[in-house]
PDB file of all heavy atoms in Angstrom:
ATOM      1  N   ARG A   1     132.390 196.326 196.021  1.00  0.00           N
ATOM      2  CA  ARG A   1     131.891 197.628 195.583  1.00  0.00           C
ATOM      3  C   ARG A   1     130.920 197.409 194.426  1.00  0.00           C
ATOM      4  O   ARG A   1     130.843 196.314 193.863  1.00  0.00           O
ATOM      5  CB  ARG A   1     133.030 198.558 195.184  1.00  0.00           C
ATOM      6  CG  ARG A   1     133.991 198.023 194.154  1.00  0.00           C
ATOM      7  CD  ARG A   1     135.209 198.927 194.105  1.00  0.00           C
ATOM      8  NE  ARG A   1     136.198 198.519 193.143  1.00  0.00           N
ATOM      9  CZ  ARG A   1     137.495 198.776 193.268  1.00  0.00           C
ATOM     10  NH1 ARG A   1     137.936 199.418 194.331  1.00  0.00           N
ATOM     11  NH2 ARG A   1     138.349 198.409 192.337  1.00  0.00           N
ATOM     12  N   ASP A   2     130.208 198.475 194.082  1.00  0.00           N
ATOM     13  CA  ASP A   2     129.173 198.394 193.041  1.00  0.00           C
ATOM     14  C   ASP A   2     128.239 197.211 193.312  1.00  0.00           C
ATOM     15  O   ASP A   2     127.886 196.463 192.406  1.00  0.00           O
ATOM     16  CB  ASP A   2     129.804 198.243 191.655  1.00  0.00           C
ATOM     17  CG  ASP A   2     130.633 199.448 191.250  1.00  0.00           C
ATOM     18  OD1 ASP A   2     130.417 200.515 191.833  1.00  0.00           O
ATOM     19  OD2 ASP A   2     131.490 199.314 190.360  1.00  0.00           O
ATOM     20  N   GLU A   3     127.838 197.080 194.554  1.00  0.00           N
ATOM     21  CA  GLU A   3     127.022 195.919 194.925  1.00  0.00           C
ATOM     22  C   GLU A   3     125.545 196.157 194.637  1.00  0.00           C
ATOM     23  O   GLU A   3     125.048 197.279 194.717  1.00  0.00           O
ATOM     24  CB  GLU A   3     127.224 195.597 196.409  1.00  0.00           C
ATOM     25  CG  GLU A   3     126.774 196.691 197.367  1.00  0.00           C
ATOM     26  CD  GLU A   3     126.995 196.312 198.818  1.00  0.00           C
ATOM     27  OE1 GLU A   3     128.153 196.301 199.246  1.00  0.00           O
ATOM     28  OE2 GLU A   3     125.994 196.022 199.508  1.00  0.00           O
ATOM     29  N   GLU A   4     124.875 195.099 194.271  1.00  0.00           N
ATOM     30  CA  GLU A   4     123.426 195.122 194.081  1.00  0.00           C
ATOM     31  C   GLU A   4     122.901 193.715 194.327  1.00  0.00           C
ATOM     32  O   GLU A   4     123.606 192.727 194.130  1.00  0.00           O
ATOM     33  CB  GLU A   4     123.055 195.596 192.673  1.00  0.00           C
ATOM     34  CG  GLU A   4     123.748 194.842 191.550  1.00  0.00           C
ATOM     35  CD  GLU A   4     123.375 195.357 190.178  1.00  0.00           C
ATOM     36  OE1 GLU A   4     122.215 195.780 189.992  1.00  0.00           O
ATOM     37  OE2 GLU A   4     124.231 195.328 189.277  1.00  0.00           O
ATOM     38  N   GLY A   5     121.663 193.638 194.780  1.00  0.00           N
ATOM     39  CA  GLY A   5     121.099 192.326 195.070  1.00  0.00           C
ATOM     40  C   GLY A   5     119.588 192.376 195.120  1.00  0.00           C
ATOM     41  O   GLY A   5     118.982 193.449 195.233  1.00  0.00           O
ATOM     42  N   VAL A   6     118.985 191.203 195.021  1.00  0.00           N
ATOM     43  CA  VAL A   6     117.530 191.132 195.026  1.00  0.00           C
ATOM     44  C   VAL A   6     117.100 189.794 195.616  1.00  0.00           C
ATOM     45  O   VAL A   6     117.811 188.788 195.498  1.00  0.00           O
ATOM     46  CB  VAL A   6     116.986 191.293 193.584  1.00  0.00           C
ATOM     47  CG1 VAL A   6     117.407 190.120 192.705  1.00  0.00           C
ATOM     48  CG2 VAL A   6     115.476 191.442 193.567  1.00  0.00           C
ATOM     49  N   PHE A   7     115.936 189.803 196.241  1.00  0.00           N
ATOM     50  CA  PHE A   7     115.322 188.567 196.733  1.00  0.00           C
ATOM     51  C   PHE A   7     113.994 188.402 196.023  1.00  0.00           C
ATOM     52  O   PHE A   7     113.059 189.179 196.229  1.00  0.00           O
ATOM     53  CB  PHE A   7     115.118 188.608 198.245  1.00  0.00           C
ATOM     54  CG  PHE A   7     114.408 187.393 198.787  1.00  0.00           C
ATOM     55  CD1 PHE A   7     115.032 186.155 198.781  1.00  0.00           C
ATOM     56  CD2 PHE A   7     113.112 187.486 199.282  1.00  0.00           C
ATOM     57  CE1 PHE A   7     114.377 185.025 199.258  1.00  0.00           C
ATOM     58  CE2 PHE A   7     112.451 186.369 199.764  1.00  0.00           C
ATOM     59  CZ  PHE A   7     113.089 185.135 199.746  1.00  0.00           C
ATOM     60  N   GLU A   8     113.915 187.423 195.129  1.00  0.00           N
ATOM     61  CA  GLU A   8     112.711 187.165 194.354  1.00  0.00           C
ATOM     62  C   GLU A   8     112.529 185.667 194.173  1.00  0.00           C
ATOM     63  O   GLU A   8     113.510 184.932 194.011  1.00  0.00           O
ATOM     64  CB  GLU A   8     112.790 187.822 192.972  1.00  0.00           C
ATOM     65  CG  GLU A   8     112.717 189.328 192.962  1.00  0.00           C
ATOM     66  CD  GLU A   8     112.796 189.906 191.556  1.00  0.00           C
ATOM     67  OE1 GLU A   8     113.231 189.180 190.633  1.00  0.00           O
ATOM     68  OE2 GLU A   8     112.422 191.081 191.397  1.00  0.00           O
ATOM     69  N   ASN A   9     111.274 185.225 194.192  1.00  0.00           N
ATOM     70  CA  ASN A   9     110.950 183.814 193.955  1.00  0.00           C
ATOM     71  C   ASN A   9     111.744 182.883 194.864  1.00  0.00           C
ATOM     72  O   ASN A   9     112.250 181.845 194.428  1.00  0.00           O
ATOM     73  CB  ASN A   9     111.196 183.456 192.486  1.00  0.00           C
ATOM     74  CG  ASN A   9     110.387 184.310 191.537  1.00  0.00           C
ATOM     75  OD1 ASN A   9     109.212 184.594 191.798  1.00  0.00           O
ATOM     76  ND2 ASN A   9     110.995 184.734 190.439  1.00  0.00           N
ATOM     77  N   ASN A  10     111.876 183.302 196.111  1.00  0.00           N
ATOM     78  CA  ASN A  10     112.601 182.529 197.128  1.00  0.00           C
ATOM     79  C   ASN A  10     114.055 182.277 196.734  1.00  0.00           C
ATOM     80  O   ASN A  10     114.639 181.244 197.068  1.00  0.00           O
ATOM     81  CB  ASN A  10     111.907 181.195 197.410  1.00  0.00           C
ATOM     82  CG  ASN A  10     112.283 180.640 198.773  1.00  0.00           C
ATOM     83  OD1 ASN A  10     112.242 181.364 199.769  1.00  0.00           O
ATOM     84  ND2 ASN A  10     112.661 179.372 198.838  1.00  0.00           N
ATOM     85  N   ARG A  11     114.648 183.251 196.041  1.00  0.00           N
ATOM     86  CA  ARG A  11     116.054 183.164 195.657  1.00  0.00           C
ATOM     87  C   ARG A  11     116.777 184.441 196.056  1.00  0.00           C
ATOM     88  O   ARG A  11     116.250 185.547 195.909  1.00  0.00           O
ATOM     89  CB  ARG A  11     116.228 182.980 194.146  1.00  0.00           C
ATOM     90  CG  ARG A  11     115.748 181.652 193.599  1.00  0.00           C
ATOM     91  CD  ARG A  11     116.168 181.490 192.149  1.00  0.00           C
ATOM     92  NE  ARG A  11     117.604 181.299 192.023  1.00  0.00           N
ATOM     93  CZ  ARG A  11     118.203 180.105 192.086  1.00  0.00           C
ATOM     94  NH1 ARG A  11     117.483 179.007 192.257  1.00  0.00           N
ATOM     95  NH2 ARG A  11     119.507 180.006 191.963  1.00  0.00           N
ATOM     96  N   VAL A  12     117.999 184.260 196.552  1.00  0.00           N
ATOM     97  CA  VAL A  12     118.881 185.396 196.803  1.00  0.00           C
ATOM     98  C   VAL A  12     119.836 185.488 195.618  1.00  0.00           C
ATOM     99  O   VAL A  12     120.514 184.522 195.275  1.00  0.00           O
ATOM    100  CB  VAL A  12     119.671 185.208 198.115  1.00  0.00           C
ATOM    101  CG1 VAL A  12     120.703 186.323 198.271  1.00  0.00           C
ATOM    102  CG2 VAL A  12     118.724 185.185 199.310  1.00  0.00           C
ATOM    103  N   THR A  13     119.866 186.649 194.982  1.00  0.00           N
ATOM    104  CA  THR A  13     120.719 186.879 193.820  1.00  0.00           C
ATOM    105  C   THR A  13     121.454 188.193 194.016  1.00  0.00           C
ATOM    106  O   THR A  13     120.870 189.174 194.496  1.00  0.00           O
ATOM    107  CB  THR A  13     119.891 186.928 192.525  1.00  0.00           C
ATOM    108  OG1 THR A  13     119.122 185.735 192.404  1.00  0.00           O
ATOM    109  CG2 THR A  13     120.782 187.067 191.300  1.00  0.00           C
ATOM    110  N   CYS A  14     122.720 188.236 193.647  1.00  0.00           N
ATOM    111  CA  CYS A  14     123.489 189.459 193.848  1.00  0.00           C
ATOM    112  C   CYS A  14     124.584 189.594 192.800  1.00  0.00           C
ATOM    113  O   CYS A  14     124.934 188.643 192.094  1.00  0.00           O
ATOM    114  CB  CYS A  14     124.089 189.507 195.250  1.00  0.00           C
ATOM    115  SG  CYS A  14     125.339 188.235 195.530  1.00  0.00           S
ATOM    116  N   ARG A  15     125.137 190.796 192.748  1.00  0.00           N
ATOM    117  CA  ARG A  15     126.234 191.106 191.828  1.00  0.00           C
ATOM    118  C   ARG A  15     127.121 192.145 192.508  1.00  0.00           C
ATOM    119  O   ARG A  15     126.626 193.093 193.100  1.00  0.00           O
ATOM    120  CB  ARG A  15     125.663 191.649 190.508  1.00  0.00           C
ATOM    121  CG  ARG A  15     126.695 191.990 189.452  1.00  0.00           C
ATOM    122  CD  ARG A  15     126.024 192.552 188.200  1.00  0.00           C
ATOM    123  NE  ARG A  15     125.193 191.567 187.522  1.00  0.00           N
ATOM    124  CZ  ARG A  15     123.871 191.657 187.397  1.00  0.00           C
ATOM    125  NH1 ARG A  15     123.222 192.680 187.927  1.00  0.00           N
ATOM    126  NH2 ARG A  15     123.183 190.725 186.756  1.00  0.00           N
ATOM    127  N   PHE A  16     128.420 191.960 192.437  1.00  0.00           N
ATOM    128  CA  PHE A  16     129.336 192.932 193.035  1.00  0.00           C
ATOM    129  C   PHE A  16     130.708 192.798 192.383  1.00  0.00           C
ATOM    130  O   PHE A  16     131.002 191.826 191.695  1.00  0.00           O
ATOM    131  CB  PHE A  16     129.459 192.719 194.550  1.00  0.00           C
ATOM    132  CG  PHE A  16     130.024 191.388 194.945  1.00  0.00           C
ATOM    133  CD1 PHE A  16     131.397 191.202 195.119  1.00  0.00           C
ATOM    134  CD2 PHE A  16     129.189 190.290 195.146  1.00  0.00           C
ATOM    135  CE1 PHE A  16     131.917 189.956 195.477  1.00  0.00           C
ATOM    136  CE2 PHE A  16     129.701 189.049 195.499  1.00  0.00           C
ATOM    137  CZ  PHE A  16     131.068 188.885 195.670  1.00  0.00           C
ATOM    138  N   LYS A  17     131.549 193.787 192.619  1.00  0.00           N
ATOM    139  CA  LYS A  17     132.929 193.748 192.143  1.00  0.00           C
ATOM    140  C   LYS A  17     133.865 193.799 193.350  1.00  0.00           C
ATOM    141  O   LYS A  17     133.517 194.332 194.406  1.00  0.00           O
ATOM    142  CB  LYS A  17     133.237 194.937 191.236  1.00  0.00           C
ATOM    143  CG  LYS A  17     132.420 195.021 189.959  1.00  0.00           C
ATOM    144  CD  LYS A  17     132.914 196.185 189.105  1.00  0.00           C
ATOM    145  CE  LYS A  17     132.074 196.368 187.854  1.00  0.00           C
ATOM    146  NZ  LYS A  17     130.794 197.011 188.150  1.00  0.00           N
ATOM    147  N   ARG A  18     135.051 193.224 193.169  1.00  0.00           N
ATOM    148  CA  ARG A  18     136.115 193.394 194.159  1.00  0.00           C
ATOM    149  C   ARG A  18     137.437 193.432 193.407  1.00  0.00           C
ATOM    150  O   ARG A  18     137.553 192.840 192.321  1.00  0.00           O
ATOM    151  CB  ARG A  18     136.103 192.317 195.239  1.00  0.00           C
ATOM    152  CG  ARG A  18     136.343 190.915 194.784  1.00  0.00           C
ATOM    153  CD  ARG A  18     136.458 189.958 195.967  1.00  0.00           C
ATOM    154  NE  ARG A  18     137.831 189.785 196.419  1.00  0.00           N
ATOM    155  CZ  ARG A  18     138.176 189.157 197.515  1.00  0.00           C
ATOM    156  NH1 ARG A  18     137.243 188.629 198.293  1.00  0.00           N
ATOM    157  NH2 ARG A  18     139.444 189.015 197.860  1.00  0.00           N
ATOM    158  N   PRO A  19     138.433 194.122 193.944  1.00  0.00           N
ATOM    159  CA  PRO A  19     139.699 194.267 193.236  1.00  0.00           C
ATOM    160  C   PRO A  19     140.385 192.926 192.997  1.00  0.00           C
ATOM    161  O   PRO A  19     140.300 192.015 193.822  1.00  0.00           O
ATOM    162  CB  PRO A  19     140.532 195.151 194.174  1.00  0.00           C
ATOM    163  CG  PRO A  19     139.539 195.830 195.053  1.00  0.00           C
ATOM    164  CD  PRO A  19     138.411 194.861 195.214  1.00  0.00           C
ATOM    165  N   VAL A  20     141.035 192.820 191.858  1.00  0.00           N
ATOM    166  CA  VAL A  20     141.830 191.627 191.578  1.00  0.00           C
ATOM    167  C   VAL A  20     142.963 191.529 192.593  1.00  0.00           C
ATOM    168  O   VAL A  20     143.230 190.470 193.158  1.00  0.00           O
ATOM    169  CB  VAL A  20     142.410 191.691 190.150  1.00  0.00           C
ATOM    170  CG1 VAL A  20     143.376 190.521 189.919  1.00  0.00           C
ATOM    171  CG2 VAL A  20     141.298 191.657 189.125  1.00  0.00           C
ATOM    172  N   TYR A  21     143.612 192.653 192.826  1.00  0.00           N
ATOM    173  CA  TYR A  21     144.763 192.657 193.736  1.00  0.00           C
ATOM    174  C   TYR A  21     144.502 193.595 194.901  1.00  0.00           C
ATOM    175  O   TYR A  21     143.974 194.694 194.731  1.00  0.00           O
ATOM    176  CB  TYR A  21     146.024 193.106 192.997  1.00  0.00           C
ATOM    177  CG  TYR A  21     147.207 193.305 193.919  1.00  0.00           C
ATOM    178  CD1 TYR A  21     147.919 192.223 194.403  1.00  0.00           C
ATOM    179  CD2 TYR A  21     147.563 194.589 194.324  1.00  0.00           C
ATOM    180  CE1 TYR A  21     148.993 192.405 195.275  1.00  0.00           C
ATOM    181  CE2 TYR A  21     148.639 194.778 195.202  1.00  0.00           C
ATOM    182  CZ  TYR A  21     149.345 193.688 195.673  1.00  0.00           C
ATOM    183  OH  TYR A  21     150.382 193.867 196.540  1.00  0.00           O
ATOM    184  N   VAL A  22     144.836 193.152 196.097  1.00  0.00           N
ATOM    185  CA  VAL A  22     144.779 193.997 197.290  1.00  0.00           C
ATOM    186  C   VAL A  22     146.104 193.848 198.028  1.00  0.00           C
ATOM    187  O   VAL A  22     146.785 192.825 197.896  1.00  0.00           O
ATOM    188  CB  VAL A  22     143.627 193.578 198.236  1.00  0.00           C
ATOM    189  CG1 VAL A  22     142.284 193.827 197.582  1.00  0.00           C
ATOM    190  CG2 VAL A  22     143.753 192.128 198.643  1.00  0.00           C
ATOM    191  N   PRO A  23     146.512 194.878 198.774  1.00  0.00           N
ATOM    192  CA  PRO A  23     147.732 194.729 199.583  1.00  0.00           C
ATOM    193  C   PRO A  23     147.629 193.496 200.467  1.00  0.00           C
ATOM    194  O   PRO A  23     146.558 193.137 200.930  1.00  0.00           O
ATOM    195  CB  PRO A  23     147.759 196.016 200.408  1.00  0.00           C
ATOM    196  CG  PRO A  23     146.979 196.998 199.594  1.00  0.00           C
ATOM    197  CD  PRO A  23     145.894 196.195 198.914  1.00  0.00           C
ATOM    198  N   ARG A  24     148.737 192.858 200.676  1.00  0.00           N
ATOM    199  CA  ARG A  24     148.757 191.588 201.401  1.00  0.00           C
ATOM    200  C   ARG A  24     148.041 191.700 202.745  1.00  0.00           C
ATOM    201  O   ARG A  24     148.333 192.551 203.570  1.00  0.00           O
ATOM    202  CB  ARG A  24     150.199 191.136 201.621  1.00  0.00           C
ATOM    203  CG  ARG A  24     150.304 189.779 202.317  1.00  0.00           C
ATOM    204  CD  ARG A  24     151.746 189.310 202.392  1.00  0.00           C
ATOM    205  NE  ARG A  24     151.852 188.059 203.094  1.00  0.00           N
ATOM    206  CZ  ARG A  24     151.633 186.872 202.557  1.00  0.00           C
ATOM    207  NH1 ARG A  24     151.285 186.799 201.287  1.00  0.00           N
ATOM    208  NH2 ARG A  24     151.754 185.773 203.255  1.00  0.00           N
ATOM    209  N   GLU A  25     147.056 190.825 202.911  1.00  0.00           N
ATOM    210  CA  GLU A  25     146.305 190.770 204.167  1.00  0.00           C
ATOM    211  C   GLU A  25     145.761 189.371 204.324  1.00  0.00           C
ATOM    212  O   GLU A  25     145.313 188.752 203.349  1.00  0.00           O
ATOM    213  CB  GLU A  25     145.163 191.794 204.164  1.00  0.00           C
ATOM    214  CG  GLU A  25     144.388 191.808 205.471  1.00  0.00           C
ATOM    215  CD  GLU A  25     143.332 192.907 205.483  1.00  0.00           C
ATOM    216  OE1 GLU A  25     143.574 193.988 204.944  1.00  0.00           O
ATOM    217  OE2 GLU A  25     142.253 192.647 206.055  1.00  0.00           O
ATOM    218  N   GLU A  26     145.748 188.863 205.524  1.00  0.00           N
ATOM    219  CA  GLU A  26     145.370 187.471 205.763  1.00  0.00           C
ATOM    220  C   GLU A  26     143.945 187.168 205.332  1.00  0.00           C
ATOM    221  O   GLU A  26     143.662 186.101 204.795  1.00  0.00           O
ATOM    222  CB  GLU A  26     145.524 187.138 207.252  1.00  0.00           C
ATOM    223  CG  GLU A  26     145.172 185.698 207.584  1.00  0.00           C
ATOM    224  CD  GLU A  26     145.237 185.405 209.074  1.00  0.00           C
ATOM    225  OE1 GLU A  26     145.337 186.370 209.863  1.00  0.00           O
ATOM    226  OE2 GLU A  26     145.173 184.234 209.450  1.00  0.00           O
ATOM    227  N   THR A  27     143.025 188.122 205.537  1.00  0.00           N
ATOM    228  CA  THR A  27     141.616 187.830 205.312  1.00  0.00           C
ATOM    229  C   THR A  27     141.136 188.127 203.894  1.00  0.00           C
ATOM    230  O   THR A  27     139.988 187.848 203.558  1.00  0.00           O
ATOM    231  CB  THR A  27     140.743 188.638 206.294  1.00  0.00           C
ATOM    232  OG1 THR A  27     140.947 190.041 206.060  1.00  0.00           O
ATOM    233  CG2 THR A  27     141.089 188.296 207.735  1.00  0.00           C
ATOM    234  N   ILE A  28     141.976 188.719 203.047  1.00  0.00           N
ATOM    235  CA  ILE A  28     141.578 189.043 201.677  1.00  0.00           C
ATOM    236  C   ILE A  28     142.616 188.467 200.723  1.00  0.00           C
ATOM    237  O   ILE A  28     143.771 188.892 200.724  1.00  0.00           O
ATOM    238  CB  ILE A  28     141.450 190.560 201.454  1.00  0.00           C
ATOM    239  CG1 ILE A  28     140.470 191.171 202.461  1.00  0.00           C
ATOM    240  CG2 ILE A  28     140.987 190.846 200.030  1.00  0.00           C
ATOM    241  CD1 ILE A  28     140.323 192.674 202.336  1.00  0.00           C
ATOM    242  N   VAL A  29     142.221 187.506 199.909  1.00  0.00           N
ATOM    243  CA  VAL A  29     143.180 186.840 199.025  1.00  0.00           C
ATOM    244  C   VAL A  29     143.425 187.668 197.760  1.00  0.00           C
ATOM    245  O   VAL A  29     142.636 188.535 197.387  1.00  0.00           O
ATOM    246  CB  VAL A  29     142.691 185.428 198.620  1.00  0.00           C
ATOM    247  CG1 VAL A  29     142.431 184.571 199.841  1.00  0.00           C
ATOM    248  CG2 VAL A  29     141.441 185.512 197.735  1.00  0.00           C
ATOM    249  N   ASP A  30     144.527 187.365 197.112  1.00  0.00           N
ATOM    250  CA  ASP A  30     144.894 187.981 195.852  1.00  0.00           C
ATOM    251  C   ASP A  30     144.293 187.148 194.722  1.00  0.00           C
ATOM    252  O   ASP A  30     144.665 185.992 194.529  1.00  0.00           O
ATOM    253  CB  ASP A  30     146.430 188.021 195.755  1.00  0.00           C
ATOM    254  CG  ASP A  30     146.920 188.694 194.491  1.00  0.00           C
ATOM    255  OD1 ASP A  30     146.079 189.031 193.631  1.00  0.00           O
ATOM    256  OD2 ASP A  30     148.147 188.875 194.345  1.00  0.00           O
ATOM    257  N   LEU A  31     143.360 187.718 193.977  1.00  0.00           N
ATOM    258  CA  LEU A  31     142.689 186.965 192.926  1.00  0.00           C
ATOM    259  C   LEU A  31     143.530 186.798 191.670  1.00  0.00           C
ATOM    260  O   LEU A  31     143.107 186.122 190.728  1.00  0.00           O
ATOM    261  CB  LEU A  31     141.343 187.624 192.586  1.00  0.00           C
ATOM    262  CG  LEU A  31     140.286 187.558 193.697  1.00  0.00           C
ATOM    263  CD1 LEU A  31     139.023 188.299 193.282  1.00  0.00           C
ATOM    264  CD2 LEU A  31     139.959 186.113 194.062  1.00  0.00           C
ATOM    265  N   HIS A  32     144.720 187.416 191.635  1.00  0.00           N
ATOM    266  CA  HIS A  32     145.662 187.090 190.560  1.00  0.00           C
ATOM    267  C   HIS A  32     146.048 185.611 190.655  1.00  0.00           C
ATOM    268  O   HIS A  32     146.340 184.977 189.646  1.00  0.00           O
ATOM    269  CB  HIS A  32     146.940 187.931 190.683  1.00  0.00           C
ATOM    270  CG  HIS A  32     146.837 189.267 190.025  1.00  0.00           C
ATOM    271  ND1 HIS A  32     146.555 189.418 188.691  1.00  0.00           N
ATOM    272  CD2 HIS A  32     146.977 190.518 190.523  1.00  0.00           C
ATOM    273  CE1 HIS A  32     146.545 190.706 188.388  1.00  0.00           C
ATOM    274  NE2 HIS A  32     146.788 191.394 189.478  1.00  0.00           N
ATOM    275  N   LEU A  33     146.036 185.090 191.869  1.00  0.00           N
ATOM    276  CA  LEU A  33     146.397 183.697 192.102  1.00  0.00           C
ATOM    277  C   LEU A  33     145.157 182.814 191.926  1.00  0.00           C
ATOM    278  O   LEU A  33     144.029 183.301 191.907  1.00  0.00           O
ATOM    279  CB  LEU A  33     146.967 183.534 193.517  1.00  0.00           C
ATOM    280  CG  LEU A  33     148.164 184.429 193.865  1.00  0.00           C
ATOM    281  CD1 LEU A  33     148.556 184.242 195.317  1.00  0.00           C
ATOM    282  CD2 LEU A  33     149.338 184.152 192.924  1.00  0.00           C
ATOM    283  N   SER A  34     145.382 181.529 191.809  1.00  0.00           N
ATOM    284  CA  SER A  34     144.278 180.577 191.637  1.00  0.00           C
ATOM    285  C   SER A  34     143.911 179.949 192.975  1.00  0.00           C
ATOM    286  O   SER A  34     144.791 179.639 193.785  1.00  0.00           O
ATOM    287  CB  SER A  34     144.673 179.484 190.636  1.00  0.00           C
ATOM    288  OG  SER A  34     144.922 180.040 189.356  1.00  0.00           O
ATOM    289  N   TRP A  35     142.630 179.743 193.184  1.00  0.00           N
ATOM    290  CA  TRP A  35     142.117 179.202 194.434  1.00  0.00           C
ATOM    291  C   TRP A  35     141.028 178.166 194.148  1.00  0.00           C
ATOM    292  O   TRP A  35     140.379 178.210 193.107  1.00  0.00           O
ATOM    293  CB  TRP A  35     141.513 180.318 195.298  1.00  0.00           C
ATOM    294  CG  TRP A  35     142.450 181.449 195.568  1.00  0.00           C
ATOM    295  CD1 TRP A  35     142.614 182.579 194.815  1.00  0.00           C
ATOM    296  CD2 TRP A  35     143.379 181.552 196.649  1.00  0.00           C
ATOM    297  NE1 TRP A  35     143.574 183.387 195.356  1.00  0.00           N
ATOM    298  CE2 TRP A  35     144.071 182.788 196.485  1.00  0.00           C
ATOM    299  CE3 TRP A  35     143.696 180.744 197.739  1.00  0.00           C
ATOM    300  CZ2 TRP A  35     145.054 183.208 197.379  1.00  0.00           C
ATOM    301  CZ3 TRP A  35     144.671 181.169 198.625  1.00  0.00           C
ATOM    302  CH2 TRP A  35     145.344 182.381 198.448  1.00  0.00           C
ATOM    303  N   TYR A  36     140.824 177.269 195.100  1.00  0.00           N
ATOM    304  CA  TYR A  36     139.630 176.438 195.064  1.00  0.00           C
ATOM    305  C   TYR A  36     138.452 177.316 195.473  1.00  0.00           C
ATOM    306  O   TYR A  36     138.573 178.145 196.383  1.00  0.00           O
ATOM    307  CB  TYR A  36     139.738 175.259 196.034  1.00  0.00           C
ATOM    308  CG  TYR A  36     140.755 174.223 195.641  1.00  0.00           C
ATOM    309  CD1 TYR A  36     141.989 174.153 196.287  1.00  0.00           C
ATOM    310  CD2 TYR A  36     140.488 173.314 194.620  1.00  0.00           C
ATOM    311  CE1 TYR A  36     142.937 173.200 195.917  1.00  0.00           C
ATOM    312  CE2 TYR A  36     141.422 172.363 194.245  1.00  0.00           C
ATOM    313  CZ  TYR A  36     142.650 172.317 194.897  1.00  0.00           C
ATOM    314  OH  TYR A  36     143.575 171.389 194.521  1.00  0.00           O
ATOM    315  N   TYR A  37     137.320 177.148 194.819  1.00  0.00           N
ATOM    316  CA  TYR A  37     136.132 177.913 195.164  1.00  0.00           C
ATOM    317  C   TYR A  37     135.200 177.034 195.986  1.00  0.00           C
ATOM    318  O   TYR A  37     134.872 175.910 195.601  1.00  0.00           O
ATOM    319  CB  TYR A  37     135.410 178.386 193.901  1.00  0.00           C
ATOM    320  CG  TYR A  37     136.027 179.609 193.243  1.00  0.00           C
ATOM    321  CD1 TYR A  37     137.340 180.002 193.522  1.00  0.00           C
ATOM    322  CD2 TYR A  37     135.305 180.373 192.342  1.00  0.00           C
ATOM    323  CE1 TYR A  37     137.903 181.098 192.921  1.00  0.00           C
ATOM    324  CE2 TYR A  37     135.863 181.496 191.733  1.00  0.00           C
ATOM    325  CZ  TYR A  37     137.165 181.855 192.023  1.00  0.00           C
ATOM    326  OH  TYR A  37     137.715 182.962 191.424  1.00  0.00           O
ATOM    327  N   LEU A  38     134.781 177.558 197.130  1.00  0.00           N
ATOM    328  CA  LEU A  38     133.824 176.888 198.003  1.00  0.00           C
ATOM    329  C   LEU A  38     132.456 177.527 197.773  1.00  0.00           C
ATOM    330  O   LEU A  38     132.328 178.752 197.802  1.00  0.00           O
ATOM    331  CB  LEU A  38     134.223 177.043 199.472  1.00  0.00           C
ATOM    332  CG  LEU A  38     135.671 176.727 199.855  1.00  0.00           C
ATOM    333  CD1 LEU A  38     135.881 176.976 201.349  1.00  0.00           C
ATOM    334  CD2 LEU A  38     136.017 175.293 199.505  1.00  0.00           C
ATOM    335  N   PHE A  39     131.441 176.716 197.557  1.00  0.00           N
ATOM    336  CA  PHE A  39     130.104 177.220 197.271  1.00  0.00           C
ATOM    337  C   PHE A  39     129.169 176.855 198.421  1.00  0.00           C
ATOM    338  O   PHE A  39     129.088 175.697 198.811  1.00  0.00           O
ATOM    339  CB  PHE A  39     129.576 176.619 195.969  1.00  0.00           C
ATOM    340  CG  PHE A  39     130.566 176.698 194.828  1.00  0.00           C
ATOM    341  CD1 PHE A  39     131.100 175.544 194.279  1.00  0.00           C
ATOM    342  CD2 PHE A  39     130.963 177.925 194.320  1.00  0.00           C
ATOM    343  CE1 PHE A  39     132.004 175.605 193.233  1.00  0.00           C
ATOM    344  CE2 PHE A  39     131.870 178.004 193.271  1.00  0.00           C
ATOM    345  CZ  PHE A  39     132.396 176.842 192.724  1.00  0.00           C
ATOM    346  N   ALA A  40     128.455 177.841 198.939  1.00  0.00           N
ATOM    347  CA  ALA A  40     127.580 177.560 200.085  1.00  0.00           C
ATOM    348  C   ALA A  40     126.389 178.510 200.093  1.00  0.00           C
ATOM    349  O   ALA A  40     126.451 179.616 199.544  1.00  0.00           O
ATOM    350  CB  ALA A  40     128.366 177.690 201.392  1.00  0.00           C
ATOM    351  N   TRP A  41     125.320 178.080 200.739  1.00  0.00           N
ATOM    352  CA  TRP A  41     124.114 178.879 200.890  1.00  0.00           C
ATOM    353  C   TRP A  41     123.326 178.323 202.062  1.00  0.00           C
ATOM    354  O   TRP A  41     123.520 177.187 202.485  1.00  0.00           O
ATOM    355  CB  TRP A  41     123.284 178.859 199.613  1.00  0.00           C
ATOM    356  CG  TRP A  41     122.781 177.498 199.206  1.00  0.00           C
ATOM    357  CD1 TRP A  41     121.542 176.963 199.420  1.00  0.00           C
ATOM    358  CD2 TRP A  41     123.524 176.473 198.526  1.00  0.00           C
ATOM    359  NE1 TRP A  41     121.465 175.690 198.916  1.00  0.00           N
ATOM    360  CE2 TRP A  41     122.670 175.364 198.354  1.00  0.00           C
ATOM    361  CE3 TRP A  41     124.830 176.385 198.036  1.00  0.00           C
ATOM    362  CZ2 TRP A  41     123.079 174.183 197.736  1.00  0.00           C
ATOM    363  CZ3 TRP A  41     125.230 175.222 197.407  1.00  0.00           C
ATOM    364  CH2 TRP A  41     124.363 174.136 197.256  1.00  0.00           C
ATOM    365  N   GLY A  42     122.427 179.129 202.610  1.00  0.00           N
ATOM    366  CA  GLY A  42     121.652 178.669 203.754  1.00  0.00           C
ATOM    367  C   GLY A  42     120.745 179.752 204.296  1.00  0.00           C
ATOM    368  O   GLY A  42     120.642 180.844 203.735  1.00  0.00           O
ATOM    369  N   PRO A  43     120.086 179.478 205.415  1.00  0.00           N
ATOM    370  CA  PRO A  43     119.154 180.439 206.003  1.00  0.00           C
ATOM    371  C   PRO A  43     119.879 181.538 206.779  1.00  0.00           C
ATOM    372  O   PRO A  43     121.048 181.399 207.145  1.00  0.00           O
ATOM    373  CB  PRO A  43     118.311 179.568 206.943  1.00  0.00           C
ATOM    374  CG  PRO A  43     119.231 178.445 207.323  1.00  0.00           C
ATOM    375  CD  PRO A  43     120.086 178.180 206.115  1.00  0.00           C
TER     376      PRO A  43
END
């Protein structure tokens, strides 16, 4: 939510919020817990 983004100088940049906690669901993790972060980008 509260998403915004821009494409400038051949860069994709964005900003958004998501809830720390969501009801248990397989596809949405609970950010109260700690996770490894995977970083990726591409065409």
